Amino acid sequence: MKKLFALALALSMTLSLAACGSKPAATAPDANAPAGNSADPSQSAEPALDYPVQPITMMVAWPAGGGSDLLTRAISADAPDFIGVNMNVTNRDGAGGTIGFAEAVDYANDGYNLLYSTSGVFSAQPLLRDVEYSIDDFSFICGVGEKPMALAVPAVWGVGSLQEWFDYVAANNIEVTVGTSGAAGSIPAFGAEALFPELEEKGLSNYNIVNYNGSGELIPALLSGEVNCAFMHPHEAKPYMDSNDFAIIAVATGERPEKFPELPTFSEQGVDFTLAVLEGYIAPDGLDPAIRDYLEAAFLRILEEGGNYMTYAEGANHQVRPMSGEEFRQAVLDQSELFKTMFG
């Protein structure tokens, strides 16, 4: 079971990704246009689009202030330059994203109602509860990133590895309270439930797991001592690593991340475990293919050239992984099948 879990999640992490991208115009953008602020609409072979002509609403089904929210707000800030209109972010959090997604099924599919999505909303949540949506209720626009999981503890403990952590909590008779950056049924929650029994075999004891609705809730809990360990994404922990509040003692990647070469992996410490969350943007099903292609192209341009996004990505160490809409959808389907095999 342990090997199957590690192999399956490693496969979900290594799904290759590809493209989306262009600029605001009254025509669908030419994906082969040279980089710059715009492509010449007269050179596009696509028919003219009467889109966009009004602001777009982007729903994030997780709390304000978390990594999903901050990423989407940075990308949305670039929307006027690359999509052509303002993009207004709204938050509809609850039940690991499932409340917002159930409501979004009934949103108009006119291209003015978009959603930030993680793979776990489709691959993990349906294994925990009955959800009022399915993957077929949505049109996939593009993928934008991949977020590995990591284990963070208070920096004041002075531990830098799993074994040092085991020894410290044992010597000080500490009951480990693990907070996850996702509600029950999310990939972080599933991952913690799979990981910690393995850590128990390696020497950890006296632990319990508490699921939070995103890093916006988890980070204050770790800072305040409400929990004393966090299972979260390293890029979200980075500011608190820099301020010497958190220390990451293991990251769930096959090799050390390029952006975090100083972080040891679980595998190099004897725990065969990898896990990542895929993220991107979708819309209610029935989106006009020409509008979908226009948005896919524009989002890629933002990932490559958007000033607000690039500032965010540099500061947050966001691991960009562009995917076409179809690639993003297939990656989610593949992860769903793997999780059904393991947990269904």
Protein backbone atom coordinates (compact mmCIF):
# COMPACT_ATOMS: atom_id res chain seq x y z
CA MET A 1 0.00 0.00 0.00
CA LYS A 2 2.83 2.37 0.90
CA LYS A 3 4.61 1.74 -2.41
CA LEU A 4 1.37 2.07 -4.39
CA PHE A 5 0.60 5.36 -2.70
CA ALA A 6 4.06 6.77 -3.37
CA LEU A 7 4.10 5.58 -6.99
CA ALA A 8 0.61 6.85 -7.72
CA LEU A 9 1.20 10.27 -6.26
CA ALA A 10 4.57 10.51 -7.97
CA LEU A 11 2.80 9.90 -11.27
CA SER A 12 0.29 12.63 -10.45
CA MET A 13 3.18 15.03 -9.84
CA THR A 14 5.01 14.30 -13.09
CA LEU A 15 2.14 14.85 -15.50
CA SER A 16 3.61 17.10 -18.16
CA LEU A 17 1.99 20.38 -18.95
CA ALA A 18 1.82 22.74 -21.90
CA ALA A 19 0.15 25.93 -22.99
CA CYS A 20 -2.27 28.88 -23.09
CA GLY A 21 -1.67 32.56 -23.96
CA SER A 22 -2.25 35.99 -25.61
CA LYS A 23 -3.68 39.48 -25.05
CA PRO A 24 -6.81 41.59 -24.97
CA ALA A 25 -8.41 42.04 -28.34
CA ALA A 26 -11.72 41.67 -30.11
CA THR A 27 -10.43 38.52 -31.82
CA ALA A 28 -9.20 35.19 -30.54
CA PRO A 29 -5.43 35.58 -30.06
CA ASP A 30 -2.78 34.05 -32.25
CA ALA A 31 -0.82 31.65 -30.05
CA ASN A 32 2.18 32.02 -32.36
CA ALA A 33 2.29 35.82 -32.21
CA PRO A 34 5.59 37.31 -31.02
CA ALA A 35 5.86 38.26 -27.37
CA GLY A 36 4.81 41.78 -26.44
CA ASN A 37 1.84 43.68 -25.16
CA SER A 38 -0.41 42.50 -27.99
CA ALA A 39 -0.79 40.45 -31.13
CA ASP A 40 -2.11 42.09 -34.30
CA PRO A 41 -5.80 41.04 -34.50
CA SER A 42 -5.71 41.44 -38.28
CA GLN A 43 -3.21 38.56 -38.52
CA SER A 44 -5.37 36.09 -36.57
CA ALA A 45 -7.09 33.34 -38.54
CA GLU A 46 -9.81 33.09 -35.87
CA PRO A 47 -13.23 34.72 -36.30
CA ALA A 48 -13.95 37.92 -34.42
CA LEU A 49 -15.26 37.49 -30.87
CA ASP A 50 -17.67 39.79 -29.14
CA TYR A 51 -15.79 39.01 -25.95
CA PRO A 52 -14.95 40.28 -23.45
CA VAL A 53 -17.19 43.32 -23.14
CA GLN A 54 -17.68 43.44 -19.34
CA PRO A 55 -15.75 42.55 -16.18
CA ILE A 56 -15.18 38.88 -15.38
CA THR A 57 -15.93 37.35 -11.98
CA MET A 58 -13.37 34.83 -10.74
CA MET A 59 -14.58 32.69 -7.84
CA VAL A 60 -12.12 31.14 -5.37
CA ALA A 61 -13.83 28.50 -3.25
CA TRP A 62 -11.34 28.92 -0.40
CA PRO A 63 -10.80 31.71 2.15
CA ALA A 64 -9.27 35.08 1.36
CA GLY A 65 -5.59 35.31 2.24
CA GLY A 66 -4.66 31.73 1.41
CA GLY A 67 -2.32 30.66 -1.37
CA SER A 68 -5.13 29.96 -3.86
CA ASP A 69 -6.62 33.39 -3.24
CA LEU A 70 -3.33 35.30 -3.44
CA LEU A 71 -2.28 33.56 -6.66
CA THR A 72 -5.62 34.30 -8.28
CA ARG A 73 -5.62 37.93 -7.20
CA ALA A 74 -2.16 38.39 -8.71
CA ILE A 75 -3.23 36.84 -12.00
CA SER A 76 -6.49 38.80 -11.98
CA ALA A 77 -4.56 42.05 -11.54
CA ASP A 78 -2.94 41.36 -14.92
CA ALA A 79 -6.28 40.61 -16.62
CA PRO A 80 -6.89 44.13 -18.01
CA ASP A 81 -3.61 44.01 -19.96
CA PHE A 82 -3.93 40.44 -21.24
CA ILE A 83 -7.66 39.67 -21.29
CA GLY A 84 -8.98 43.16 -21.87
CA VAL A 85 -11.28 43.72 -18.89
CA ASN A 86 -11.10 43.73 -15.10
CA MET A 87 -11.32 40.41 -13.29
CA ASN A 88 -12.99 40.60 -9.88
CA VAL A 89 -12.15 37.88 -7.34
CA THR A 90 -14.83 36.60 -4.97
CA ASN A 91 -14.45 34.01 -2.21
CA ARG A 92 -17.05 31.32 -1.51
CA ASP A 93 -15.31 29.01 0.90
CA GLY A 94 -16.60 26.00 2.78
CA ALA A 95 -16.33 22.19 2.87
CA GLY A 96 -13.03 22.07 1.03
CA GLY A 97 -14.30 23.99 -1.97
CA THR A 98 -17.36 21.82 -2.56
CA ILE A 99 -19.90 24.47 -1.56
CA GLY A 100 -18.61 26.96 -4.09
CA PHE A 101 -18.34 24.36 -6.83
CA ALA A 102 -21.88 23.13 -6.25
CA GLU A 103 -23.13 26.69 -6.66
CA ALA A 104 -20.97 27.29 -9.73
CA VAL A 105 -22.74 24.53 -11.64
CA ASP A 106 -25.62 26.98 -12.10
CA TYR A 107 -23.48 29.97 -13.11
CA ALA A 108 -23.91 31.33 -16.63
CA ASN A 109 -21.47 29.75 -19.08
CA ASP A 110 -20.88 32.99 -20.97
CA GLY A 111 -17.21 33.44 -20.09
CA TYR A 112 -17.85 35.99 -17.36
CA ASN A 113 -17.94 33.43 -14.52
CA LEU A 114 -14.67 31.59 -13.95
CA LEU A 115 -13.31 29.48 -11.08
CA TYR A 116 -9.94 28.70 -9.60
CA SER A 117 -9.72 24.91 -9.25
CA THR A 118 -7.47 22.38 -7.60
CA SER A 119 -7.30 18.77 -8.67
CA GLY A 120 -8.51 17.64 -5.25
CA VAL A 121 -12.00 19.09 -5.72
CA PHE A 122 -12.57 16.38 -8.32
CA SER A 123 -10.08 13.66 -7.32
CA ALA A 124 -10.35 13.62 -3.53
CA GLN A 125 -13.54 15.30 -2.27
CA PRO A 126 -15.96 12.90 -4.03
CA LEU A 127 -14.33 10.00 -2.19
CA LEU A 128 -15.23 11.57 1.16
CA ARG A 129 -18.72 12.94 0.61
CA ASP A 130 -21.56 13.24 -1.84
CA VAL A 131 -20.88 16.32 -3.95
CA GLU A 132 -23.39 18.18 -6.09
CA TYR A 133 -21.14 18.51 -9.12
CA SER A 134 -18.89 16.42 -11.34
CA ILE A 135 -15.97 17.07 -13.65
CA ASP A 136 -18.43 17.04 -16.57
CA ASP A 137 -20.14 20.15 -15.17
CA PHE A 138 -17.12 22.30 -16.08
CA SER A 139 -15.05 23.44 -19.05
CA PHE A 140 -11.32 23.37 -18.32
CA ILE A 141 -9.44 26.48 -19.46
CA CYS A 142 -5.85 25.85 -18.39
CA GLY A 143 -3.58 24.66 -15.62
CA VAL A 144 -1.20 27.11 -13.98
CA GLY A 145 0.72 25.35 -11.23
CA GLU A 146 1.71 22.35 -9.18
CA LYS A 147 2.03 22.56 -5.41
CA PRO A 148 3.98 19.88 -3.54
CA MET A 149 3.28 19.23 0.11
CA ALA A 150 5.76 19.74 2.96
CA LEU A 151 6.01 19.35 6.72
CA ALA A 152 6.59 22.53 8.76
CA VAL A 153 7.29 22.87 12.49
CA PRO A 154 8.10 25.82 14.80
CA ALA A 155 11.61 27.08 14.03
CA VAL A 156 12.21 27.63 17.74
CA TRP A 157 12.38 23.87 18.18
CA GLY A 158 15.69 23.89 16.32
CA VAL A 159 15.06 20.69 14.34
CA GLY A 160 16.04 20.26 10.70
CA SER A 161 15.15 16.67 9.88
CA LEU A 162 12.50 14.06 10.58
CA GLN A 163 14.73 12.18 13.00
CA GLU A 164 15.60 15.33 14.95
CA TRP A 165 11.87 16.09 15.13
CA PHE A 166 11.07 12.57 16.38
CA ASP A 167 13.77 12.88 19.04
CA TYR A 168 12.68 16.37 20.12
CA VAL A 169 9.00 15.57 20.62
CA ALA A 170 9.87 12.34 22.43
CA ALA A 171 12.38 14.03 24.75
CA ASN A 172 9.93 16.81 25.59
CA ASN A 173 6.83 14.58 25.79
CA ILE A 174 5.04 16.66 23.13
CA GLU A 175 1.78 15.51 21.59
CA VAL A 176 2.01 16.47 17.93
CA THR A 177 -1.04 18.29 16.59
CA VAL A 178 -0.85 18.37 12.82
CA GLY A 179 -2.76 21.01 10.90
CA THR A 180 -3.39 20.44 7.19
CA SER A 181 -3.96 23.17 4.61
CA GLY A 182 -7.11 21.52 3.31
CA ALA A 183 -10.48 20.48 4.70
CA ALA A 184 -11.38 16.82 5.10
CA GLY A 185 -11.41 15.21 1.68
CA SER A 186 -8.77 17.53 0.23
CA ILE A 187 -5.42 16.30 -1.07
CA PRO A 188 -3.56 17.74 1.96
CA ALA A 189 -5.97 15.95 4.30
CA PHE A 190 -5.75 12.66 2.38
CA GLY A 191 -2.00 13.01 2.26
CA ALA A 192 -1.65 13.52 6.00
CA GLU A 193 -3.83 10.48 6.70
CA ALA A 194 -1.53 8.41 4.49
CA LEU A 195 1.76 9.95 5.68
CA PHE A 196 1.49 9.96 9.44
CA PRO A 197 1.00 6.21 9.94
CA GLU A 198 4.26 5.82 8.02
CA LEU A 199 5.93 8.38 10.29
CA GLU A 200 4.61 6.47 13.28
CA GLU A 201 6.47 3.41 12.01
CA LYS A 202 9.64 5.53 11.88
CA GLY A 203 9.39 6.71 15.47
CA LEU A 204 6.66 9.35 15.81
CA SER A 205 3.95 8.81 18.41
CA ASN A 206 1.17 10.78 20.08
CA TYR A 207 -0.22 12.75 17.15
CA ASN A 208 -3.59 13.92 15.93
CA ILE A 209 -4.64 15.63 12.70
CA VAL A 210 -6.74 18.79 12.37
CA ASN A 211 -7.91 19.92 8.93
CA TYR A 212 -8.13 23.64 8.12
CA ASN A 213 -9.88 25.29 5.20
CA GLY A 214 -6.77 26.52 3.42
CA SER A 215 -3.43 28.00 4.43
CA GLY A 216 -5.14 31.28 5.32
CA GLU A 217 -6.52 29.48 8.38
CA LEU A 218 -3.63 27.08 8.97
CA ILE A 219 -0.79 29.61 9.14
CA PRO A 220 -2.28 31.63 12.04
CA ALA A 221 -2.96 28.35 13.84
CA LEU A 222 0.70 27.35 13.64
CA LEU A 223 1.91 30.83 14.58
CA SER A 224 -0.35 30.90 17.65
CA GLY A 225 0.50 27.38 18.81
CA GLU A 226 -2.99 26.04 18.16
CA VAL A 227 -1.15 23.34 16.21
CA ASN A 228 2.56 22.53 16.43
CA CYS A 229 3.06 21.01 13.01
CA ALA A 230 1.68 21.89 9.57
CA PHE A 231 1.26 19.86 6.40
CA MET A 232 1.26 22.60 3.78
CA HIS A 233 2.84 23.89 0.58
CA PRO A 234 6.44 25.15 0.90
CA HIS A 235 5.84 28.32 -1.12
CA GLU A 236 3.13 29.32 1.36
CA ALA A 237 5.50 28.70 4.27
CA LYS A 238 8.41 30.60 2.67
CA PRO A 239 7.74 34.04 4.25
CA TYR A 240 7.60 32.41 7.67
CA MET A 241 10.77 30.46 7.01
CA ASP A 242 12.47 33.74 6.14
CA SER A 243 11.20 35.31 9.39
CA ASN A 244 12.41 32.26 11.35
CA ASP A 245 8.91 31.31 12.49
CA PHE A 246 8.66 27.99 10.61
CA ALA A 247 11.15 25.33 9.61
CA ILE A 248 10.37 22.80 6.87
CA ILE A 249 11.86 19.43 7.71
CA ALA A 250 10.66 17.42 4.69
CA VAL A 251 9.13 18.08 1.28
CA ALA A 252 7.05 15.55 -0.68
CA THR A 253 8.90 15.62 -4.00
CA GLY A 254 10.99 12.97 -5.70
CA GLU A 255 13.99 15.31 -5.81
CA ARG A 256 14.70 18.51 -3.95
CA PRO A 257 12.61 21.31 -5.50
CA GLU A 258 14.48 23.70 -7.77
CA LYS A 259 13.12 26.67 -5.82
CA PHE A 260 13.95 25.06 -2.46
CA PRO A 261 17.19 23.11 -2.92
CA GLU A 262 17.94 23.39 0.79
CA LEU A 263 14.86 21.37 1.78
CA PRO A 264 15.31 17.62 2.34
CA THR A 265 12.78 15.27 0.78
CA PHE A 266 10.88 12.59 2.65
CA SER A 267 12.46 9.93 0.45
CA GLU A 268 16.04 10.90 1.29
CA GLN A 269 15.06 10.52 4.95
CA GLY A 270 13.74 7.01 4.45
CA VAL A 271 10.04 7.76 3.91
CA ASP A 272 8.80 6.84 0.43
CA PHE A 273 6.23 9.62 -0.05
CA THR A 274 5.44 12.18 -2.77
CA LEU A 275 2.35 14.37 -3.15
CA ALA A 276 1.31 17.48 -5.09
CA VAL A 277 -1.81 19.47 -5.90
CA LEU A 278 -2.51 20.63 -9.45
CA GLU A 279 -4.20 24.00 -9.93
CA GLY A 280 -5.78 25.94 -12.76
CA TYR A 281 -8.86 27.76 -14.05
CA ILE A 282 -12.20 26.44 -15.26
CA ALA A 283 -15.70 27.64 -16.17
CA PRO A 284 -19.22 26.20 -16.10
CA ASP A 285 -19.76 23.59 -18.81
CA GLY A 286 -20.87 24.81 -22.21
CA LEU A 287 -18.32 27.60 -22.56
CA ASP A 288 -17.95 28.66 -26.19
CA PRO A 289 -14.77 26.94 -27.47
CA ALA A 290 -13.55 30.20 -29.02
CA ILE A 291 -13.89 31.98 -25.67
CA ARG A 292 -12.18 29.08 -23.91
CA ASP A 293 -9.27 29.23 -26.36
CA TYR A 294 -9.03 33.01 -25.95
CA LEU A 295 -8.85 32.68 -22.16
CA GLU A 296 -6.42 29.77 -22.32
CA ALA A 297 -4.08 31.82 -24.48
CA ALA A 298 -4.42 34.92 -22.32
CA PHE A 299 -3.67 33.05 -19.09
CA LEU A 300 -0.47 31.64 -20.59
CA ARG A 301 0.66 35.10 -21.54
CA ILE A 302 0.04 36.21 -17.95
CA LEU A 303 2.19 33.34 -16.65
CA GLU A 304 4.99 34.37 -19.01
CA GLU A 305 4.72 38.16 -18.98
CA GLY A 306 2.24 39.38 -16.36
CA GLY A 307 3.99 41.83 -14.06
CA ASN A 308 1.69 41.27 -11.08
CA TYR A 309 1.88 37.50 -11.44
CA MET A 310 5.66 37.49 -11.83
CA THR A 311 6.07 39.67 -8.74
CA TYR A 312 3.84 37.29 -6.79
CA ALA A 313 5.55 34.18 -8.16
CA GLU A 314 9.01 35.46 -7.25
CA GLY A 315 8.00 36.40 -3.73
CA ALA A 316 5.89 33.29 -3.10
CA ASN A 317 8.10 30.83 -5.01
CA HIS A 318 5.06 29.68 -6.95
CA GLN A 319 5.84 26.55 -8.95
CA VAL A 320 4.35 27.38 -12.36
CA ARG A 321 3.20 24.44 -14.51
CA PRO A 322 1.24 25.61 -17.58
CA MET A 323 -1.29 23.17 -19.08
CA SER A 324 -3.83 23.47 -21.83
CA GLY A 325 -7.42 23.02 -20.73
CA GLU A 326 -7.51 19.48 -22.08
CA GLU A 327 -4.22 18.57 -20.40
CA PHE A 328 -5.44 19.95 -17.08
CA ARG A 329 -8.68 17.98 -17.36
CA GLN A 330 -6.87 14.76 -18.23
CA ALA A 331 -4.41 15.23 -15.37
CA VAL A 332 -7.32 15.58 -12.95
CA LEU A 333 -9.01 12.48 -14.39
CA ASP A 334 -5.78 10.51 -14.03
CA GLN A 335 -5.37 11.61 -10.42
CA SER A 336 -9.01 10.73 -9.73
CA GLU A 337 -8.51 7.18 -11.00
CA LEU A 338 -5.38 6.77 -8.88
CA PHE A 339 -7.13 7.96 -5.74
CA LYS A 340 -10.11 5.68 -6.39
CA THR A 341 -7.70 2.76 -6.58
CA MET A 342 -6.05 3.72 -3.30
CA PHE A 343 -8.95 5.05 -1.22
CA GLY A 344 -12.19 4.28 -3.05
